[in-house]
C-alpha atoms as a PDB file:
ATOM      1  CA  MET A   1       0.000   0.000   0.000  1.00  0.00           C
ATOM      2  CA  ASP A   2       1.106   3.499  -0.838  1.00  0.00           C
ATOM      3  CA  LEU A   3       0.857   6.533   1.403  1.00  0.00           C
ATOM      4  CA  LYS A   4      -0.795   9.424  -0.396  1.00  0.00           C
ATOM      5  CA  PHE A   5      -1.216  13.024   0.694  1.00  0.00           C
ATOM      6  CA  ILE A   6      -3.704  15.629  -0.518  1.00  0.00           C
ATOM      7  CA  CYS A   7      -2.788  19.287  -1.123  1.00  0.00           C
ATOM      8  CA  LYS A   8      -4.938  21.539   1.084  1.00  0.00           C
ATOM      9  CA  ASN A   9      -5.108  24.167  -1.667  1.00  0.00           C
ATOM     10  CA  CYS A  10      -5.997  22.316  -4.876  1.00  0.00           C
ATOM     11  CA  GLY A  11      -6.637  18.720  -3.806  1.00  0.00           C
ATOM     12  CA  GLU A  12      -3.779  17.232  -5.843  1.00  0.00           C
ATOM     13  CA  VAL A  13      -2.863  13.770  -4.557  1.00  0.00           C
ATOM     14  CA  VAL A  14       0.855  12.995  -4.305  1.00  0.00           C
ATOM     15  CA  SER A  15       2.992  10.237  -2.860  1.00  0.00           C
ATOM     16  CA  GLU A  16       5.038  10.802   0.273  1.00  0.00           C
ATOM     17  CA  LYS A  17       8.236  10.543  -1.784  1.00  0.00           C
ATOM     18  CA  GLU A  18       7.050  13.176  -4.256  1.00  0.00           C
ATOM     19  CA  MET A  19       5.904  15.490  -1.463  1.00  0.00           C
ATOM     20  CA  LEU A  20       9.324  15.351   0.209  1.00  0.00           C
ATOM     21  CA  LYS A  21      11.153  15.702  -3.119  1.00  0.00           C
ATOM     22  CA  ASN A  22       9.257  18.913  -3.924  1.00  0.00           C
ATOM     23  CA  ASP A  23       9.916  20.239  -0.399  1.00  0.00           C
ATOM     24  CA  PHE A  24       6.190  20.261   0.440  1.00  0.00           C
ATOM     25  CA  VAL A  25       5.393  22.627  -2.451  1.00  0.00           C
ATOM     26  CA  CYS A  26       2.554  21.391  -4.658  1.00  0.00           C
ATOM     27  CA  LYS A  27       3.675  20.834  -8.248  1.00  0.00           C
ATOM     28  CA  LYS A  28       0.183  21.491  -9.615  1.00  0.00           C
ATOM     29  CA  CYS A  29      -0.711  24.795  -7.921  1.00  0.00           C
ATOM     30  CA  GLY A  30       2.769  25.883  -6.804  1.00  0.00           C
ATOM     31  CA  LYS A  31       1.621  26.732  -3.292  1.00  0.00           C
ATOM     32  CA  ARG A  32       2.963  25.589   0.012  1.00  0.00           C
ATOM     33  CA  GLU A  33      -0.385  25.291   1.785  1.00  0.00           C
ATOM     34  CA  GLY A  34       0.632  22.001   3.305  1.00  0.00           C
ATOM     35  CA  TYR A  35      -0.885  18.588   2.864  1.00  0.00           C
ATOM     36  CA  LEU A  36      -3.696  16.898   4.710  1.00  0.00           C
ATOM     37  CA  SER A  37      -2.021  15.082   7.557  1.00  0.00           C
ATOM     38  CA  GLU A  38      -4.256  12.046   7.262  1.00  0.00           C
ATOM     39  CA  PRO A  39      -2.766   9.746   4.682  1.00  0.00           C
ATOM     40  CA  VAL A  40      -5.115   8.141   2.198  1.00  0.00           C
ATOM     41  CA  PHE A  41      -4.520   4.492   1.427  1.00  0.00           C
ATOM     42  CA  PHE A  42      -4.846   3.207  -2.113  1.00  0.00           C
ATOM     43  CA  LYS A  43      -4.624  -0.477  -2.880  1.00  0.00           C
ATOM     44  CA  ASN A  44      -2.260  -1.144  -5.751  1.00  0.00           C
END
């Protein structure tokens, strides 16, 4: 299972790895609003 996080600003869903790589800045909206702290689980 993958940990996913949702951007508080635009709702873009990213992986934990991607979130850390982009230094918590959303690639889609370019804002650093933070991500929802509750991870969403997706079954692969």
